Amino acid sequence: MASVAGSTLGSVVLVSLRQRVLPSERGRRKDRMQREVAFSEWLRLLPFLGVLALLGYLAVRPFLPKKKQQKDSLINLKIQKENPKVVNEIHIEDLCLTKAAYCRCWRSKTFPTCDGSHNKHNELTGDNVGPLILKKKEV
């Protein structure tokens, strides 16, 4: 019995020593657990917050200003604007001259042939546009 009482007394002393050491450790553990819980809670909330952000964006998007096409970004300012796409077809047989110059700057008043309007355009914008020149091969 004495040995049992001694071991019981020893365990009581050990438990009381642990209780004296543990309060400071408990505080650290509690802080660490609170941080871990907070982090795990944020991880669980992340998909929900993502869905909320998406719904908020979709709700606000109709009221956001739309991108306006800048006048400077347009290449063709006046030629066949009623058509969705400007297409000119020139047959090779119609090239009776030895050389023909076709406009690529869209500024020519004689479109599709070039009238030299690209020179003024190049001076104003710093561009380097020139005409498309078709030549007949001399045999």
N, C-alpha and C. Protein backbone atom coordinates (compact mmCIF):
# COMPACT_ATOMS: atom_id res chain seq x y z
N MET A 1 0.81 -1.19 0.00
CA MET A 1 0.00 0.00 0.00
C MET A 1 0.85 1.25 0.00
N ALA A 2 1.96 1.13 0.69
CA ALA A 2 2.83 2.30 0.76
C ALA A 2 3.35 2.64 -0.62
N SER A 3 3.67 1.58 -1.38
CA SER A 3 4.18 1.86 -2.73
C SER A 3 3.07 2.45 -3.62
N VAL A 4 1.85 1.96 -3.43
CA VAL A 4 0.75 2.50 -4.20
C VAL A 4 0.49 3.94 -3.79
N ALA A 5 0.53 4.18 -2.48
CA ALA A 5 0.30 5.54 -2.01
C ALA A 5 1.42 6.44 -2.49
N GLY A 6 2.64 5.90 -2.51
CA GLY A 6 3.78 6.70 -2.98
C GLY A 6 3.64 7.03 -4.45
N SER A 7 3.20 6.04 -5.22
CA SER A 7 3.06 6.32 -6.66
C SER A 7 1.89 7.28 -6.89
N THR A 8 0.87 7.16 -6.05
CA THR A 8 -0.26 8.07 -6.17
C THR A 8 0.19 9.47 -5.79
N LEU A 9 0.97 9.54 -4.74
CA LEU A 9 1.48 10.84 -4.32
C LEU A 9 2.38 11.44 -5.40
N GLY A 10 3.19 10.58 -6.01
CA GLY A 10 4.09 11.04 -7.09
C GLY A 10 3.29 11.55 -8.28
N SER A 11 2.22 10.84 -8.62
CA SER A 11 1.42 11.29 -9.77
C SER A 11 0.67 12.57 -9.44
N VAL A 12 0.26 12.74 -8.18
CA VAL A 12 -0.42 13.97 -7.78
C VAL A 12 0.56 15.13 -7.87
N VAL A 13 1.79 14.91 -7.43
CA VAL A 13 2.81 15.96 -7.51
C VAL A 13 3.09 16.30 -8.98
N LEU A 14 3.19 15.25 -9.82
CA LEU A 14 3.45 15.46 -11.24
C LEU A 14 2.31 16.22 -11.91
N VAL A 15 1.07 15.86 -11.55
CA VAL A 15 -0.09 16.55 -12.10
C VAL A 15 -0.10 18.00 -11.64
N SER A 16 0.22 18.23 -10.37
CA SER A 16 0.21 19.61 -9.88
C SER A 16 1.32 20.42 -10.54
N LEU A 17 2.47 19.79 -10.84
CA LEU A 17 3.54 20.50 -11.54
C LEU A 17 3.10 20.83 -12.97
N ARG A 18 2.43 19.90 -13.61
CA ARG A 18 1.95 20.15 -14.97
C ARG A 18 0.95 21.31 -14.99
N GLN A 19 0.11 21.34 -13.96
CA GLN A 19 -0.88 22.41 -13.93
C GLN A 19 -0.21 23.76 -13.74
N ARG A 20 0.91 23.78 -13.04
CA ARG A 20 1.62 25.04 -12.86
C ARG A 20 2.30 25.47 -14.16
N VAL A 21 2.76 24.53 -14.95
CA VAL A 21 3.44 24.85 -16.20
C VAL A 21 2.42 25.11 -17.31
N LEU A 22 1.32 24.41 -17.26
CA LEU A 22 0.37 24.45 -18.36
C LEU A 22 -0.35 25.78 -18.58
N PRO A 23 -0.65 26.59 -17.59
CA PRO A 23 -1.41 27.80 -17.89
C PRO A 23 -0.75 28.66 -18.97
N SER A 24 0.56 28.82 -18.93
CA SER A 24 1.21 29.61 -19.98
C SER A 24 1.15 28.87 -21.32
N GLU A 25 1.34 27.56 -21.25
CA GLU A 25 1.25 26.77 -22.48
C GLU A 25 -0.18 26.76 -23.00
N ARG A 26 -1.14 26.73 -22.09
CA ARG A 26 -2.54 26.76 -22.51
C ARG A 26 -2.83 28.03 -23.30
N GLY A 27 -2.32 29.14 -22.82
CA GLY A 27 -2.53 30.41 -23.53
C GLY A 27 -1.94 30.36 -24.93
N ARG A 28 -0.72 29.81 -25.04
CA ARG A 28 -0.09 29.69 -26.36
C ARG A 28 -0.88 28.75 -27.25
N ARG A 29 -1.28 27.63 -26.68
CA ARG A 29 -2.06 26.66 -27.46
C ARG A 29 -3.39 27.28 -27.90
N LYS A 30 -4.02 28.02 -26.99
CA LYS A 30 -5.30 28.64 -27.31
C LYS A 30 -5.13 29.65 -28.45
N ASP A 31 -4.06 30.47 -28.37
CA ASP A 31 -3.80 31.43 -29.45
C ASP A 31 -3.55 30.70 -30.77
N ARG A 32 -2.74 29.64 -30.71
CA ARG A 32 -2.43 28.89 -31.91
C ARG A 32 -3.69 28.24 -32.47
N MET A 33 -4.53 27.70 -31.56
CA MET A 33 -5.77 27.06 -32.02
C MET A 33 -6.72 28.11 -32.61
N GLN A 34 -6.76 29.29 -32.00
CA GLN A 34 -7.62 30.34 -32.56
C GLN A 34 -7.13 30.75 -33.94
N ARG A 35 -5.81 30.84 -34.12
CA ARG A 35 -5.28 31.18 -35.43
C ARG A 35 -5.59 30.08 -36.43
N GLU A 36 -5.44 28.82 -36.01
CA GLU A 36 -5.74 27.70 -36.90
C GLU A 36 -7.22 27.66 -37.24
N VAL A 37 -8.06 27.90 -36.25
CA VAL A 37 -9.50 27.91 -36.49
C VAL A 37 -9.85 29.05 -37.43
N ALA A 38 -9.27 30.20 -37.20
CA ALA A 38 -9.55 31.34 -38.06
C ALA A 38 -9.12 31.04 -39.49
N PHE A 39 -7.95 30.44 -39.67
CA PHE A 39 -7.46 30.11 -41.00
C PHE A 39 -8.35 29.07 -41.66
N SER A 40 -8.75 28.04 -40.90
CA SER A 40 -9.62 27.01 -41.49
C SER A 40 -11.00 27.57 -41.80
N GLU A 41 -11.47 28.50 -40.97
CA GLU A 41 -12.75 29.14 -41.26
C GLU A 41 -12.67 29.97 -42.54
N TRP A 42 -11.56 30.68 -42.71
CA TRP A 42 -11.38 31.46 -43.95
C TRP A 42 -11.34 30.54 -45.16
N LEU A 43 -10.67 29.40 -45.02
CA LEU A 43 -10.61 28.45 -46.13
C LEU A 43 -12.01 27.95 -46.49
N ARG A 44 -12.83 27.72 -45.47
CA ARG A 44 -14.20 27.28 -45.75
C ARG A 44 -15.04 28.40 -46.35
N LEU A 45 -14.76 29.64 -45.98
CA LEU A 45 -15.52 30.78 -46.49
C LEU A 45 -15.08 31.21 -47.89
N LEU A 46 -13.91 30.79 -48.33
CA LEU A 46 -13.35 31.24 -49.60
C LEU A 46 -14.27 30.98 -50.79
N PRO A 47 -14.82 29.78 -50.99
CA PRO A 47 -15.73 29.58 -52.13
C PRO A 47 -16.98 30.48 -52.04
N PHE A 48 -17.51 30.62 -50.85
CA PHE A 48 -18.68 31.46 -50.65
C PHE A 48 -18.38 32.92 -51.00
N LEU A 49 -17.23 33.41 -50.55
CA LEU A 49 -16.84 34.79 -50.86
C LEU A 49 -16.59 34.96 -52.35
N GLY A 50 -16.04 33.94 -53.00
CA GLY A 50 -15.84 34.00 -54.45
C GLY A 50 -17.15 34.11 -55.19
N VAL A 51 -18.14 33.32 -54.78
CA VAL A 51 -19.46 33.37 -55.42
C VAL A 51 -20.10 34.74 -55.19
N LEU A 52 -19.96 35.28 -53.98
CA LEU A 52 -20.50 36.62 -53.70
C LEU A 52 -19.83 37.68 -54.57
N ALA A 53 -18.53 37.59 -54.73
CA ALA A 53 -17.82 38.56 -55.58
C ALA A 53 -18.29 38.45 -57.02
N LEU A 54 -18.46 37.24 -57.52
CA LEU A 54 -18.93 37.04 -58.89
C LEU A 54 -20.33 37.60 -59.08
N LEU A 55 -21.22 37.32 -58.13
CA LEU A 55 -22.59 37.85 -58.22
C LEU A 55 -22.60 39.38 -58.16
N GLY A 56 -21.76 39.95 -57.32
CA GLY A 56 -21.66 41.40 -57.24
C GLY A 56 -21.17 42.00 -58.55
N TYR A 57 -20.17 41.37 -59.16
CA TYR A 57 -19.67 41.86 -60.45
C TYR A 57 -20.74 41.77 -61.52
N LEU A 58 -21.45 40.64 -61.57
CA LEU A 58 -22.50 40.46 -62.57
C LEU A 58 -23.64 41.45 -62.37
N ALA A 59 -23.90 41.83 -61.12
CA ALA A 59 -24.97 42.79 -60.85
C ALA A 59 -24.56 44.21 -61.25
N VAL A 60 -23.28 44.54 -61.12
CA VAL A 60 -22.80 45.89 -61.39
C VAL A 60 -22.39 46.08 -62.85
N ARG A 61 -22.04 45.00 -63.53
CA ARG A 61 -21.50 45.08 -64.90
C ARG A 61 -22.38 45.86 -65.88
N PRO A 62 -23.71 45.73 -65.85
CA PRO A 62 -24.51 46.52 -66.81
C PRO A 62 -24.37 48.03 -66.62
N PHE A 63 -23.98 48.47 -65.44
CA PHE A 63 -23.87 49.90 -65.16
C PHE A 63 -22.46 50.44 -65.40
N LEU A 64 -21.50 49.56 -65.67
CA LEU A 64 -20.14 50.00 -65.94
C LEU A 64 -20.08 50.63 -67.33
N PRO A 65 -19.21 51.61 -67.53
CA PRO A 65 -19.12 52.23 -68.86
C PRO A 65 -18.58 51.24 -69.88
N LYS A 66 -19.17 51.25 -71.04
CA LYS A 66 -18.75 50.35 -72.10
C LYS A 66 -17.52 50.94 -72.79
N LYS A 67 -16.69 50.06 -73.33
CA LYS A 67 -15.52 50.52 -74.06
C LYS A 67 -15.98 51.16 -75.35
N LYS A 68 -15.57 52.37 -75.54
CA LYS A 68 -15.93 53.08 -76.77
C LYS A 68 -14.78 52.93 -77.75
N GLN A 69 -15.14 52.70 -79.01
CA GLN A 69 -14.12 52.60 -80.02
C GLN A 69 -13.62 54.00 -80.33
N GLN A 70 -12.33 54.18 -80.23
CA GLN A 70 -11.77 55.50 -80.47
C GLN A 70 -11.78 55.81 -81.95
N LYS A 71 -12.02 57.04 -82.26
CA LYS A 71 -12.05 57.48 -83.66
C LYS A 71 -10.68 57.26 -84.30
N ASP A 72 -9.61 57.44 -83.52
CA ASP A 72 -8.26 57.26 -84.06
C ASP A 72 -7.97 55.81 -84.40
N SER A 73 -8.64 54.88 -83.74
CA SER A 73 -8.35 53.47 -83.99
C SER A 73 -9.00 52.96 -85.26
N LEU A 74 -9.95 53.71 -85.81
CA LEU A 74 -10.57 53.30 -87.07
C LEU A 74 -9.60 53.54 -88.21
N ILE A 75 -9.52 52.58 -89.10
CA ILE A 75 -8.67 52.73 -90.28
C ILE A 75 -9.48 53.33 -91.42
N ASN A 76 -10.61 52.71 -91.70
CA ASN A 76 -11.48 53.18 -92.77
C ASN A 76 -12.44 54.21 -92.20
N LEU A 77 -12.26 55.47 -92.58
CA LEU A 77 -13.10 56.53 -92.03
C LEU A 77 -14.33 56.85 -92.87
N LYS A 78 -14.30 56.54 -94.19
CA LYS A 78 -15.41 57.00 -95.03
C LYS A 78 -15.77 56.10 -96.20
N ILE A 79 -15.03 55.08 -96.52
CA ILE A 79 -15.25 54.30 -97.74
C ILE A 79 -16.22 53.15 -97.47
N GLN A 80 -17.34 53.14 -98.16
CA GLN A 80 -18.36 52.08 -98.10
C GLN A 80 -18.70 51.70 -96.65
N LYS A 81 -19.00 52.68 -95.82
CA LYS A 81 -19.30 52.42 -94.41
C LYS A 81 -20.61 51.66 -94.22
N GLU A 82 -21.48 51.65 -95.22
CA GLU A 82 -22.75 50.93 -95.10
C GLU A 82 -22.55 49.42 -95.23
N ASN A 83 -21.42 48.99 -95.78
CA ASN A 83 -21.14 47.55 -95.93
C ASN A 83 -20.41 47.03 -94.70
N PRO A 84 -20.70 45.79 -94.30
CA PRO A 84 -19.99 45.23 -93.15
C PRO A 84 -18.52 44.96 -93.45
N LYS A 85 -18.20 44.71 -94.73
CA LYS A 85 -16.82 44.45 -95.12
C LYS A 85 -16.60 45.03 -96.51
N VAL A 86 -15.51 45.76 -96.68
CA VAL A 86 -15.20 46.35 -97.98
C VAL A 86 -14.36 45.37 -98.77
N VAL A 87 -14.88 44.98 -99.94
CA VAL A 87 -14.16 44.05 -100.82
C VAL A 87 -14.17 44.64 -102.22
N ASN A 88 -13.00 44.70 -102.81
CA ASN A 88 -12.88 45.16 -104.20
C ASN A 88 -12.23 44.05 -105.01
N GLU A 89 -12.80 43.77 -106.15
CA GLU A 89 -12.28 42.71 -107.00
C GLU A 89 -11.79 43.34 -108.30
N ILE A 90 -10.55 43.04 -108.63
CA ILE A 90 -9.95 43.56 -109.85
C ILE A 90 -9.40 42.37 -110.63
N HIS A 91 -9.82 42.25 -111.86
CA HIS A 91 -9.38 41.13 -112.69
C HIS A 91 -8.03 41.46 -113.33
N ILE A 92 -7.20 40.49 -113.41
CA ILE A 92 -5.87 40.67 -113.96
C ILE A 92 -5.94 41.13 -115.42
N GLU A 93 -6.92 40.63 -116.14
CA GLU A 93 -7.06 41.02 -117.55
C GLU A 93 -7.34 42.51 -117.69
N ASP A 94 -7.94 43.11 -116.67
CA ASP A 94 -8.27 44.53 -116.72
C ASP A 94 -7.05 45.43 -116.52
N LEU A 95 -5.95 44.85 -116.13
CA LEU A 95 -4.74 45.65 -115.94
C LEU A 95 -4.11 45.92 -117.30
N CYS A 96 -4.62 46.91 -117.99
CA CYS A 96 -4.08 47.21 -119.31
C CYS A 96 -2.82 48.05 -119.21
N LEU A 97 -2.66 48.73 -118.12
CA LEU A 97 -1.45 49.52 -117.93
C LEU A 97 -0.31 48.60 -117.50
N THR A 98 0.88 49.09 -117.55
CA THR A 98 2.01 48.28 -117.10
C THR A 98 2.13 48.32 -115.58
N LYS A 99 1.51 49.31 -114.96
CA LYS A 99 1.63 49.45 -113.50
C LYS A 99 0.34 50.04 -112.94
N ALA A 100 -0.12 49.51 -111.81
CA ALA A 100 -1.31 50.04 -111.13
C ALA A 100 -1.03 50.12 -109.64
N ALA A 101 -1.40 51.23 -108.99
CA ALA A 101 -1.19 51.42 -107.56
C ALA A 101 -2.54 51.41 -106.85
N TYR A 102 -2.64 50.58 -105.82
CA TYR A 102 -3.90 50.46 -105.07
C TYR A 102 -3.69 50.94 -103.63
N CYS A 103 -4.71 51.61 -103.13
CA CYS A 103 -4.65 52.24 -101.81
C CYS A 103 -4.66 51.21 -100.69
N ARG A 104 -3.79 51.43 -99.68
CA ARG A 104 -3.82 50.61 -98.47
C ARG A 104 -4.04 51.45 -97.22
N CYS A 105 -4.12 52.77 -97.38
CA CYS A 105 -4.29 53.64 -96.21
C CYS A 105 -5.75 54.03 -95.99
N TRP A 106 -6.62 53.73 -96.91
CA TRP A 106 -8.05 54.03 -96.84
C TRP A 106 -8.35 55.53 -96.87
N ARG A 107 -7.40 56.35 -97.28
CA ARG A 107 -7.63 57.80 -97.32
C ARG A 107 -7.83 58.31 -98.75
N SER A 108 -7.66 57.46 -99.73
CA SER A 108 -7.72 57.87 -101.13
C SER A 108 -9.13 58.29 -101.54
N LYS A 109 -9.20 59.38 -102.28
CA LYS A 109 -10.49 59.83 -102.80
C LYS A 109 -10.89 59.04 -104.04
N THR A 110 -9.94 58.32 -104.63
CA THR A 110 -10.22 57.49 -105.81
C THR A 110 -10.14 56.01 -105.46
N PHE A 111 -10.49 55.67 -104.22
CA PHE A 111 -10.40 54.28 -103.75
C PHE A 111 -11.08 53.34 -104.73
N PRO A 112 -10.54 52.22 -105.09
CA PRO A 112 -9.40 51.50 -104.54
C PRO A 112 -8.05 51.89 -105.13
N THR A 113 -8.00 52.78 -106.10
CA THR A 113 -6.69 53.19 -106.61
C THR A 113 -6.10 54.27 -105.72
N CYS A 114 -4.79 54.33 -105.70
CA CYS A 114 -4.09 55.27 -104.83
C CYS A 114 -3.99 56.64 -105.48
N ASP A 115 -4.20 57.67 -104.68
CA ASP A 115 -4.02 59.04 -105.18
C ASP A 115 -2.94 59.78 -104.39
N GLY A 116 -2.18 59.06 -103.57
CA GLY A 116 -1.09 59.67 -102.79
C GLY A 116 -1.52 60.21 -101.45
N SER A 117 -2.74 59.93 -101.01
CA SER A 117 -3.23 60.44 -99.71
C SER A 117 -2.43 59.88 -98.55
N HIS A 118 -1.77 58.76 -98.75
CA HIS A 118 -1.00 58.15 -97.67
C HIS A 118 0.17 59.04 -97.24
N ASN A 119 0.66 59.88 -98.15
CA ASN A 119 1.78 60.77 -97.79
C ASN A 119 1.37 61.72 -96.67
N LYS A 120 0.21 62.33 -96.77
CA LYS A 120 -0.29 63.24 -95.73
C LYS A 120 -0.57 62.46 -94.44
N HIS A 121 -1.19 61.29 -94.59
CA HIS A 121 -1.48 60.43 -93.44
C HIS A 121 -0.18 60.06 -92.71
N ASN A 122 0.86 59.70 -93.46
CA ASN A 122 2.14 59.32 -92.85
C ASN A 122 2.78 60.50 -92.11
N GLU A 123 2.67 61.70 -92.66
CA GLU A 123 3.23 62.89 -91.99
C GLU A 123 2.50 63.18 -90.68
N LEU A 124 1.18 63.04 -90.69
CA LEU A 124 0.39 63.36 -89.49
C LEU A 124 0.56 62.33 -88.39
N THR A 125 0.62 61.06 -88.75
CA THR A 125 0.61 59.99 -87.74
C THR A 125 1.96 59.35 -87.49
N GLY A 126 2.93 59.57 -88.37
CA GLY A 126 4.22 58.89 -88.22
C GLY A 126 4.16 57.47 -88.74
N ASP A 127 3.10 57.14 -89.44
CA ASP A 127 2.92 55.80 -90.01
C ASP A 127 3.80 55.67 -91.26
N ASN A 128 3.88 54.46 -91.80
CA ASN A 128 4.69 54.25 -93.01
C ASN A 128 3.91 53.50 -94.08
N VAL A 129 2.63 53.80 -94.21
CA VAL A 129 1.77 53.11 -95.16
C VAL A 129 2.09 53.58 -96.58
N GLY A 130 2.04 52.64 -97.50
CA GLY A 130 2.24 52.96 -98.92
C GLY A 130 1.25 52.18 -99.75
N PRO A 131 1.23 52.41 -101.05
CA PRO A 131 0.27 51.72 -101.91
C PRO A 131 0.72 50.30 -102.25
N LEU A 132 -0.23 49.52 -102.71
CA LEU A 132 0.06 48.20 -103.27
C LEU A 132 0.26 48.42 -104.77
N ILE A 133 1.43 48.10 -105.25
CA ILE A 133 1.74 48.34 -106.66
C ILE A 133 1.77 47.01 -107.40
N LEU A 134 0.95 46.91 -108.45
CA LEU A 134 0.93 45.72 -109.29
C LEU A 134 1.55 46.07 -110.63
N LYS A 135 2.50 45.26 -111.05
CA LYS A 135 3.17 45.50 -112.33
C LYS A 135 2.98 44.29 -113.22
N LYS A 136 2.87 44.56 -114.50
CA LYS A 136 2.88 43.47 -115.46
C LYS A 136 4.32 43.11 -115.75
N LYS A 137 4.54 41.82 -115.91
CA LYS A 137 5.87 41.37 -116.24
C LYS A 137 6.16 41.70 -117.70
N GLU A 138 7.29 42.29 -117.94
CA GLU A 138 7.65 42.59 -119.32
C GLU A 138 8.31 41.36 -119.92
N VAL A 139 7.79 40.92 -121.06
CA VAL A 139 8.29 39.70 -121.68
C VAL A 139 9.28 40.03 -122.76
